[in-house]
Each structure stands twice: as C-alpha cells, then as structure tokens.
Amino acid sequence: MNASEAERLARVTLNSVGEPGNLRLASTVAELGAETVLEALRERPDDLGHDLAARLRTADPARSLEAADKLGLRFVIPGDPEWPDALLDLGRCGPLHERGGIPLGLWLRGPLSVAEAARQAVAVVGSRSATTYGEGVAGDLSAGLARDGRTVISGAAFGIDQAAHRAALATRGPTVAVLACGADRVYPAAHKRLLDYIADVGVIVSEAPIGGAPTRIRFLARNRLIAALAQGTVVVEAAVRSGALNTASWAGALGRVVMGVPGPVTSEPSAGVHQLIRGRDALLVTRAEEVLEAVAPIGTHTLTDLREEEGLRDRLTAQERQVLDAVPVRHGAPAASIARTAGLAPAKTSAALSRLEDLGLVVGQGERWHLAAQVDESA
C-alpha cells in the first residue's frame, strides 16, 4: 500500500528539520504518523522542541522534492514498494549513543531497488586506516559474496569500505553505499568516481537531507542503517575505538549475525575485532564461504572443515606407517632391523615392506631397504 502524498510531504519536512536518528521524533512519527506530528509541532512546539519548530519556517518540502528530482534523487518512505522492511526492526531497538529509531525516509540515488538489494545483503565494514592485509581480505570477501548474488553494503569511506565496494563492482555484483551526508553530496571527495559509478549501477542511500554535511552524529545514525539493511555484518580491521564497532553493536542489537576477521595479534587496527571475537560478540570468519554459511538459511552453504589434500601416507594402515617411519632415508637396513625399530613382528614388517615397495615409497636392494628417492615426508 503506497503512502499518501500528504504523509510524504510531512516526512520530507520533518526530515529537513530533524537530525537523522532523533529517537524521540522517529518514535513519535512511527506511532502517530508524520502529518499529526508536523501539525502538533506547529501548534505546540514545546512537545518536541523549539529547535525543530524554528527550522520549520524555512522548510519547503515541495521544493525539496523538485530539487531532488533534478539531482536524480528520490525519497522513499514506509509504504512505498521500494521501502526496505528490514529497517522496521529499528523500531524494536533501544538507542545507541543517543541515536535510534526507524528513519522518516530515505534519499536514494541509483537504479538499484534498496528493498530488493536488502533481501540478501551483507555489510562489510572496517577501519579507514586499513592495512594492505585488511583491504585484501575485505576485497576477497566482498567478491565472493557478490559472486553468490549477495548485495555488499558499506559506507563508501576510505580503507575497508572502499575495498568492499570496489570488489563487488569488479565482480559485477550489487552494492549499496550508505552515506552520513546528503545523497547528492560526495564524501569523501576523493571517492567521486566510485560514488558516481555506484549511482550508475547500484544505489546510494542517505537519511540526511539534501545538501546535508557529514557530521559525527550523522555517522553514528548512519551506522544503524548499514546494520539494519544487512542480514549480517562483517568487521574487517577495527581499532578499539572505531565506528565499525558501532555498526557491529547495532547489528547485534538487531539480532543480525556479527562476524569478525582476525588480524595479526600485534596489529592495532585489528584490536577491536579481536575483542569482539574474544567476547563472543562476533563469529570468526576468514573467507566468503564462512560468511555465507553464517547468513544463509540452515542447511545451505554448509561447510566441511578444511583439510589438506589426502596423500599416500593417509591411505596407509597404521602398521604400514610404522614400518615406513622405521625405514632409513639413505643407507639401507635389513628387514629384521626395521622390524625392531618399528616394534612389529618380522612377518608383519615384511608384508608391509612389500606393500610400500608396490606404492613406490621404499626400495629393496638385496636384503636391505631404504626410502625411495624423492619421497615427500608429508605425502
């Protein structure tokens, strides 16, 4: 059921006067509707704050929507076909750093439907000051997720975010960039080409009004959207104080899967991730297949434990391995000597030596035996 035009205009107005993640405003709108809240704000500003009421004097929702259309933006709200229902889970969460609630609406730029993208999405986030290791892991994970048809969500920042988006795009997979500034702005400026490309093939999402500048409080509000839109969040490199950990906290509060990629124990950029894993707040993952196993329905993408490829030794019996370990490398030894070293009866040793010779692992010369040339001890 589509939202009414009056409700849309009311939400655009409130979006332009309130800060993203204003929990009191968001919860009141969710309960009463934007039209009712806007009317009350005009008549009784004490109820929601004089700061909001003062900004109403310059609010012009029709002009905002007209400007958005010229910029290639659209504003979606609950009830629209493109509205991602995953965001409704934010209404059941308490605040974090004084931010929270269901967004009043989303400004979008790009052809990808955010509702469609969020159906099978994974957030990949982490440090802006990423190491080569971190960027490489983030890229490998994101490429693997994209190849499986998963949407990669991140925040378009330097470091891990950038690596995640680029890998998804290189694999021709869907990607969503959630910004802390207006969807019409480019932040960071160095990522103009990246953001323009995402706007061409994916979608840019922002809760901030058109032209809105990136501020610390908006980054904190933005993080809850990244977590809510995804089925799970992977943290690749995060220091002890990190915005990526804020995203992970939101994911945990929303009941989403939280995952962490370990780094070197001496690496400061991985210290926050290690704390998440140590505190059992995050599942340790090292590759895309493990992420897919964590977010996919039970019984799908099930992995078996990693094993080395089976070698010749793995196919030997225990007695044959005992005999093989007792055979000298270079200077041959008689079967009786090998039997004593192996701790086996001579008859069993002779049978094992014959079998090992057939496999090309040992060589018998007269009465003496030695390992075959080029035998790999780990085979």
Protein backbone atom coordinates (compact mmCIF):
# COMPACT_ATOMS: atom_id res chain seq x y z
CA MET A 1 0.00 0.00 0.00
CA ASN A 2 1.53 3.29 -1.12
CA ALA A 3 1.90 6.13 1.35
CA SER A 4 -0.23 9.22 0.84
CA GLU A 5 1.27 12.31 -0.77
CA ALA A 6 0.47 14.35 2.34
CA GLU A 7 2.36 11.86 4.52
CA ARG A 8 5.32 12.01 2.11
CA LEU A 9 5.45 15.81 2.23
CA ALA A 10 5.20 15.75 6.02
CA ARG A 11 8.07 13.30 6.25
CA VAL A 12 10.21 15.37 3.87
CA THR A 13 9.53 18.38 6.09
CA LEU A 14 10.42 16.60 9.30
CA ASN A 15 13.46 15.06 7.62
CA SER A 16 14.72 18.54 6.77
CA VAL A 17 14.31 19.92 10.31
CA GLY A 18 15.29 16.93 12.46
CA GLU A 19 18.62 15.17 12.78
CA PRO A 20 18.95 11.59 11.50
CA GLY A 21 18.40 9.11 14.29
CA ASN A 22 16.45 11.52 16.54
CA LEU A 23 14.80 8.74 18.54
CA ARG A 24 12.05 10.85 20.06
CA LEU A 25 11.00 12.25 16.70
CA ALA A 26 11.25 8.89 14.96
CA SER A 27 9.25 7.00 17.57
CA THR A 28 6.54 9.67 17.69
CA VAL A 29 6.19 9.61 13.90
CA ALA A 30 6.07 5.80 13.92
CA GLU A 31 3.26 5.91 16.49
CA LEU A 32 1.18 8.87 15.26
CA GLY A 33 2.17 9.49 11.66
CA ALA A 34 4.15 12.36 10.21
CA GLU A 35 1.13 14.56 9.41
CA THR A 36 -0.07 14.50 13.02
CA VAL A 37 3.42 15.15 14.39
CA LEU A 38 4.02 18.02 11.99
CA GLU A 39 0.72 19.65 12.92
CA ALA A 40 1.47 19.27 16.62
CA LEU A 41 4.94 20.71 16.15
CA ARG A 42 3.50 23.81 14.53
CA GLU A 43 0.82 24.27 17.18
CA ARG A 44 2.67 23.06 20.30
CA PRO A 45 6.43 23.31 19.74
CA ASP A 46 7.10 22.53 23.40
CA ASP A 47 6.10 18.91 22.79
CA LEU A 48 9.04 18.09 20.51
CA GLY A 49 11.35 21.04 20.91
CA HIS A 50 11.66 24.64 19.83
CA ASP A 51 14.74 23.81 17.73
CA LEU A 52 12.65 21.74 15.36
CA ALA A 53 9.86 24.29 15.29
CA ALA A 54 12.27 27.11 14.46
CA ARG A 55 13.58 25.24 11.41
CA LEU A 56 10.05 24.78 10.08
CA ARG A 57 9.97 28.39 8.92
CA THR A 58 12.39 27.64 6.09
CA ALA A 59 11.17 24.12 5.26
CA ASP A 60 9.66 23.73 1.79
CA PRO A 61 9.00 20.03 1.06
CA ALA A 62 7.65 20.56 -2.45
CA ARG A 63 10.76 22.50 -3.43
CA SER A 64 12.96 19.84 -1.82
CA LEU A 65 11.33 17.09 -3.87
CA GLU A 66 11.60 19.19 -7.04
CA ALA A 67 15.30 19.79 -6.37
CA ALA A 68 15.78 16.09 -5.64
CA ASP A 69 14.23 15.13 -8.95
CA LYS A 70 16.66 17.41 -10.82
CA LEU A 71 19.54 15.79 -8.95
CA GLY A 72 18.35 12.28 -9.77
CA LEU A 73 17.24 11.57 -6.20
CA ARG A 74 14.07 10.02 -4.88
CA PHE A 75 12.58 9.94 -1.38
CA VAL A 76 11.07 6.68 -0.19
CA ILE A 77 9.07 6.18 2.99
CA PRO A 78 7.31 3.28 4.74
CA GLY A 79 4.52 2.05 2.50
CA ASP A 80 6.45 2.57 -0.74
CA PRO A 81 7.28 -0.56 -2.77
CA GLU A 82 10.99 0.30 -2.50
CA TRP A 83 10.95 0.75 1.26
CA PRO A 84 13.14 -1.96 2.90
CA ASP A 85 11.08 -3.59 5.65
CA ALA A 86 14.31 -4.64 7.38
CA LEU A 87 14.53 -1.08 8.70
CA LEU A 88 11.34 -1.59 10.71
CA ASP A 89 13.39 -3.70 13.13
CA LEU A 90 14.96 -0.44 14.33
CA GLY A 91 11.64 0.37 15.98
CA ARG A 92 12.19 -2.52 18.38
CA CYS A 93 15.68 -1.44 19.43
CA GLY A 94 16.70 0.96 22.11
CA PRO A 95 19.04 3.87 21.39
CA LEU A 96 22.79 3.63 20.98
CA HIS A 97 24.84 6.78 21.52
CA GLU A 98 21.52 8.65 21.66
CA ARG A 99 20.64 7.62 18.11
CA GLY A 100 17.95 5.22 17.02
CA GLY A 101 14.50 4.68 15.56
CA ILE A 102 13.09 3.98 12.11
CA PRO A 103 14.19 6.65 9.63
CA LEU A 104 11.49 9.07 8.48
CA GLY A 105 12.52 8.35 4.92
CA LEU A 106 15.48 7.60 2.69
CA TRP A 107 17.00 9.69 -0.07
CA LEU A 108 18.18 7.37 -2.84
CA ARG A 109 20.36 7.84 -5.91
CA GLY A 110 20.84 4.99 -8.35
CA PRO A 111 18.80 2.39 -10.27
CA LEU A 112 19.02 -0.45 -7.75
CA SER A 113 15.96 -1.03 -5.57
CA VAL A 114 17.14 -0.83 -1.98
CA ALA A 115 14.29 -3.10 -0.89
CA GLU A 116 15.40 -5.73 -3.39
CA ALA A 117 19.06 -5.25 -2.51
CA ALA A 118 18.42 -5.72 1.22
CA ARG A 119 16.79 -9.14 0.78
CA GLN A 120 20.19 -10.84 0.57
CA ALA A 121 22.75 -8.37 1.83
CA VAL A 122 25.91 -8.46 3.91
CA ALA A 123 27.63 -5.40 5.35
CA VAL A 124 31.42 -5.28 5.12
CA VAL A 125 32.87 -2.52 7.29
CA GLY A 126 36.13 -1.64 8.99
CA SER A 127 38.93 0.80 9.51
CA ARG A 128 39.51 3.85 7.34
CA SER A 129 43.23 3.42 8.04
CA ALA A 130 43.23 -0.10 6.68
CA THR A 131 46.34 -2.15 6.09
CA THR A 132 47.14 -3.90 2.83
CA TYR A 133 46.11 -7.13 4.54
CA GLY A 134 42.76 -5.70 5.59
CA GLU A 135 41.93 -4.27 2.19
CA GLY A 136 42.89 -7.55 0.53
CA VAL A 137 40.69 -9.62 2.85
CA ALA A 138 37.77 -7.20 2.50
CA GLY A 139 38.09 -7.38 -1.27
CA ASP A 140 38.23 -11.17 -1.35
CA LEU A 141 35.23 -11.49 0.98
CA SER A 142 33.15 -8.97 -0.97
CA ALA A 143 33.99 -10.51 -4.33
CA GLY A 144 32.96 -13.94 -3.05
CA LEU A 145 29.71 -12.57 -1.65
CA ALA A 146 28.94 -10.74 -4.90
CA ARG A 147 29.59 -13.87 -6.96
CA ASP A 148 26.97 -15.62 -4.84
CA GLY A 149 24.47 -12.88 -5.67
CA ARG A 150 24.69 -11.11 -2.30
CA THR A 151 24.49 -7.35 -2.04
CA VAL A 152 27.56 -5.79 -0.42
CA ILE A 153 26.67 -2.85 1.84
CA SER A 154 29.20 -0.40 3.20
CA GLY A 155 29.76 3.28 3.91
CA ALA A 156 31.96 4.41 0.99
CA ALA A 157 34.72 5.57 3.35
CA PHE A 158 38.44 5.10 2.81
CA GLY A 159 40.02 1.75 3.64
CA ILE A 160 37.80 -1.28 4.15
CA ASP A 161 34.60 0.34 2.84
CA GLN A 162 36.26 1.32 -0.42
CA ALA A 163 37.78 -2.14 -0.89
CA ALA A 164 34.40 -3.79 -0.30
CA HIS A 165 32.55 -1.62 -2.83
CA ARG A 166 35.25 -1.92 -5.48
CA ALA A 167 35.43 -5.70 -5.21
CA ALA A 168 31.64 -6.05 -5.52
CA LEU A 169 31.62 -3.76 -8.55
CA ALA A 170 34.54 -5.58 -10.17
CA THR A 171 32.56 -8.82 -9.83
CA ARG A 172 29.52 -7.06 -11.32
CA GLY A 173 27.62 -7.62 -8.09
CA PRO A 174 25.12 -5.29 -6.42
CA THR A 175 26.41 -2.80 -3.87
CA VAL A 176 24.83 -0.17 -1.62
CA ALA A 177 26.66 2.85 -0.22
CA VAL A 178 25.08 4.36 2.90
CA LEU A 179 26.25 7.94 3.49
CA ALA A 180 26.30 10.22 6.52
CA CYS A 181 25.83 13.29 4.30
CA GLY A 182 23.16 14.12 1.75
CA ALA A 183 22.80 11.62 -1.09
CA ASP A 184 23.60 14.43 -3.50
CA ARG A 185 27.00 15.08 -1.91
CA VAL A 186 30.30 13.28 -2.39
CA TYR A 187 32.11 12.31 0.77
CA PRO A 188 34.97 11.73 0.88
CA ALA A 189 35.65 13.95 -2.15
CA ALA A 190 38.35 11.58 -3.37
CA HIS A 191 35.66 8.93 -3.93
CA LYS A 192 33.70 10.92 -6.52
CA ARG A 193 34.34 8.39 -9.31
CA LEU A 194 33.49 5.49 -7.01
CA LEU A 195 30.25 7.06 -5.80
CA ASP A 196 29.25 8.13 -9.31
CA TYR A 197 29.76 4.56 -10.51
CA ILE A 198 27.73 3.16 -7.61
CA ALA A 199 24.99 5.65 -8.53
CA ASP A 200 25.09 4.32 -12.10
CA VAL A 201 24.75 0.62 -11.27
CA GLY A 202 23.87 0.32 -7.56
CA VAL A 203 22.28 2.70 -5.10
CA ILE A 204 23.40 5.43 -2.72
CA VAL A 205 21.33 5.73 0.46
CA SER A 206 21.14 8.59 2.95
CA GLU A 207 18.89 9.60 5.79
CA ALA A 208 20.36 13.11 5.85
CA PRO A 209 18.50 15.86 3.97
CA ILE A 210 19.65 17.09 0.56
CA GLY A 211 22.89 19.01 0.90
CA GLY A 212 23.40 17.76 4.46
CA ALA A 213 27.00 17.82 5.65
CA PRO A 214 28.66 14.76 7.22
CA THR A 215 28.87 15.15 10.99
CA ARG A 216 29.87 12.79 13.78
CA ILE A 217 26.28 12.36 14.93
CA ARG A 218 25.19 11.55 11.39
CA PHE A 219 27.86 8.89 11.08
CA LEU A 220 26.54 7.27 14.26
CA ALA A 221 23.00 7.41 12.87
CA ARG A 222 24.20 6.09 9.50
CA ASN A 223 25.75 3.01 11.09
CA ARG A 224 22.40 1.70 12.30
CA LEU A 225 21.08 1.76 8.71
CA ILE A 226 24.04 -0.28 7.46
CA ALA A 227 23.44 -2.88 10.17
CA ALA A 228 19.67 -2.99 9.68
CA LEU A 229 19.78 -3.33 5.89
CA ALA A 230 22.08 -6.36 6.04
CA GLN A 231 21.50 -9.91 7.21
CA GLY A 232 24.91 -9.84 8.81
CA THR A 233 27.86 -7.51 9.36
CA VAL A 234 31.50 -8.44 8.84
CA VAL A 235 34.09 -6.28 10.59
CA VAL A 236 37.47 -6.32 8.85
CA GLU A 237 40.02 -4.40 10.92
CA ALA A 238 38.73 -2.05 13.63
CA ALA A 239 40.69 -0.40 16.40
CA VAL A 240 39.37 -0.42 19.96
CA ARG A 241 37.61 2.90 19.26
CA SER A 242 36.04 2.53 15.84
CA GLY A 243 32.87 3.43 14.01
CA ALA A 244 32.84 -0.11 12.62
CA LEU A 245 32.36 -1.42 16.16
CA ASN A 246 29.37 0.89 16.48
CA THR A 247 27.90 -0.78 13.39
CA ALA A 248 28.63 -4.19 14.92
CA SER A 249 26.83 -3.14 18.12
CA TRP A 250 23.77 -2.17 16.09
CA ALA A 251 23.87 -5.48 14.22
CA GLY A 252 23.96 -7.38 17.49
CA ALA A 253 21.10 -5.36 18.94
CA LEU A 254 19.04 -6.07 15.83
CA GLY A 255 19.65 -9.80 16.07
CA ARG A 256 21.76 -9.84 12.92
CA VAL A 257 24.84 -12.03 12.57
CA VAL A 258 28.04 -10.26 13.65
CA MET A 259 31.29 -11.56 12.19
CA GLY A 260 34.92 -10.55 12.59
CA VAL A 261 38.04 -11.22 10.55
CA PRO A 262 41.10 -11.77 12.76
CA GLY A 263 44.35 -9.97 12.03
CA PRO A 264 47.87 -10.26 13.39
CA VAL A 265 47.84 -10.19 17.20
CA THR A 266 50.31 -7.28 17.09
CA SER A 267 48.09 -5.21 14.77
CA GLU A 268 46.42 -2.21 16.41
CA PRO A 269 43.85 -1.91 13.57
CA SER A 270 42.60 -5.41 14.47
CA ALA A 271 42.48 -4.96 18.26
CA GLY A 272 38.77 -4.08 18.27
CA VAL A 273 37.88 -7.07 16.12
CA HIS A 274 39.84 -9.35 18.42
CA GLN A 275 37.88 -8.02 21.40
CA LEU A 276 34.60 -8.78 19.59
CA ILE A 277 35.70 -12.34 18.89
CA ARG A 278 37.18 -12.87 22.36
CA GLY A 279 33.97 -11.64 23.98
CA ARG A 280 31.95 -13.98 21.73
CA ASP A 281 30.16 -10.99 20.27
CA ALA A 282 31.36 -11.93 16.78
CA LEU A 283 31.79 -15.13 14.82
CA LEU A 284 35.30 -15.61 13.47
CA VAL A 285 35.32 -15.74 9.66
CA THR A 286 38.20 -15.86 7.20
CA ARG A 287 36.57 -16.29 3.78
CA ALA A 288 33.35 -15.62 1.91
CA GLU A 289 32.14 -19.23 2.24
CA GLU A 290 32.15 -18.90 6.03
CA VAL A 291 30.17 -15.66 5.83
CA LEU A 292 27.63 -17.29 3.54
CA GLU A 293 27.27 -20.24 5.90
CA ALA A 294 26.55 -17.80 8.75
CA VAL A 295 23.87 -15.75 6.97
CA ALA A 296 22.25 -18.38 4.74
CA PRO A 297 19.28 -20.50 5.86
CA ILE A 298 20.20 -23.54 7.92
CA GLY A 299 21.22 -26.44 5.72
CA THR A 300 22.51 -24.30 2.86
CA HIS A 301 26.11 -23.29 2.27
CA THR A 302 27.17 -25.84 4.88
CA LEU A 303 30.95 -26.17 5.03
CA THR A 304 33.14 -29.07 5.99
CA ASP A 305 36.30 -28.49 7.96
CA LEU A 306 39.32 -27.55 5.91
CA ARG A 307 41.64 -30.47 5.29
CA GLU A 308 44.87 -30.91 3.42
CA GLU A 309 44.65 -32.95 0.25
CA GLU A 310 44.95 -36.64 1.02
CA GLY A 311 48.42 -38.07 0.35
CA LEU A 312 49.86 -41.56 0.11
CA ARG A 313 50.56 -41.71 3.84
CA ASP A 314 46.87 -41.05 4.58
CA ARG A 315 45.96 -44.22 2.69
CA LEU A 316 48.39 -46.43 4.59
CA THR A 317 47.42 -48.61 7.52
CA ALA A 318 48.82 -47.78 10.95
CA GLN A 319 51.29 -50.68 10.71
CA GLU A 320 52.45 -49.61 7.25
CA ARG A 321 53.10 -46.08 8.56
CA GLN A 322 55.09 -47.57 11.46
CA VAL A 323 57.26 -49.51 9.06
CA LEU A 324 57.70 -46.56 6.70
CA ASP A 325 58.87 -44.38 9.59
CA ALA A 326 61.45 -47.06 10.50
CA VAL A 327 62.98 -47.33 7.01
CA PRO A 328 66.29 -45.44 6.68
CA VAL A 329 66.49 -42.50 4.27
CA ARG A 330 69.75 -43.37 2.51
CA HIS A 331 71.65 -46.34 3.93
CA GLY A 332 69.59 -49.46 3.70
CA ALA A 333 68.74 -51.70 6.63
CA PRO A 334 67.66 -55.34 6.75
CA ALA A 335 64.04 -56.19 7.40
CA ALA A 336 64.85 -57.57 10.87
CA SER A 337 66.40 -54.24 11.91
CA ILE A 338 63.42 -52.33 10.54
CA ALA A 339 61.07 -54.67 12.44
CA ARG A 340 62.87 -53.95 15.73
CA THR A 341 62.71 -50.17 15.13
CA ALA A 342 59.04 -50.34 14.16
CA GLY A 343 58.19 -52.59 17.10
CA LEU A 344 56.46 -55.13 14.86
CA ALA A 345 56.85 -58.84 14.17
CA PRO A 346 59.19 -59.71 11.24
CA ALA A 347 56.36 -61.26 9.22
CA LYS A 348 54.18 -58.17 9.51
CA THR A 349 57.15 -55.94 8.69
CA SER A 350 57.99 -57.95 5.55
CA ALA A 351 54.36 -57.75 4.36
CA ALA A 352 54.31 -54.01 4.96
CA LEU A 353 57.62 -53.53 3.11
CA SER A 354 56.24 -55.35 0.08
CA ARG A 355 53.15 -53.13 0.08
CA LEU A 356 55.27 -49.96 0.46
CA GLU A 357 57.51 -51.08 -2.40
CA ASP A 358 54.45 -51.54 -4.65
CA LEU A 359 53.45 -47.95 -3.83
CA GLY A 360 56.90 -46.67 -4.72
CA LEU A 361 57.69 -45.47 -1.21
CA VAL A 362 60.58 -47.83 -0.42
CA VAL A 363 63.22 -49.64 -2.44
CA GLY A 364 64.50 -53.14 -1.64
CA GLN A 365 68.07 -53.92 -2.72
CA GLY A 366 69.04 -57.44 -1.83
CA GLU A 367 68.34 -57.86 1.88
CA ARG A 368 68.34 -54.14 2.61
CA TRP A 369 65.62 -51.49 2.41
CA HIS A 370 65.69 -47.68 2.14
CA LEU A 371 63.27 -44.89 1.27
CA ALA A 372 62.65 -44.29 -2.40
CA ALA A 373 64.23 -41.17 -3.91
CA GLN A 374 62.01 -38.06 -3.95
CA VAL A 375 59.65 -39.45 -1.32
CA ASP A 376 57.85 -36.49 0.26
CA GLU A 377 57.83 -36.98 4.00
CA SER A 378 54.41 -35.30 4.15
CA ALA A 379 52.93 -37.40 1.38
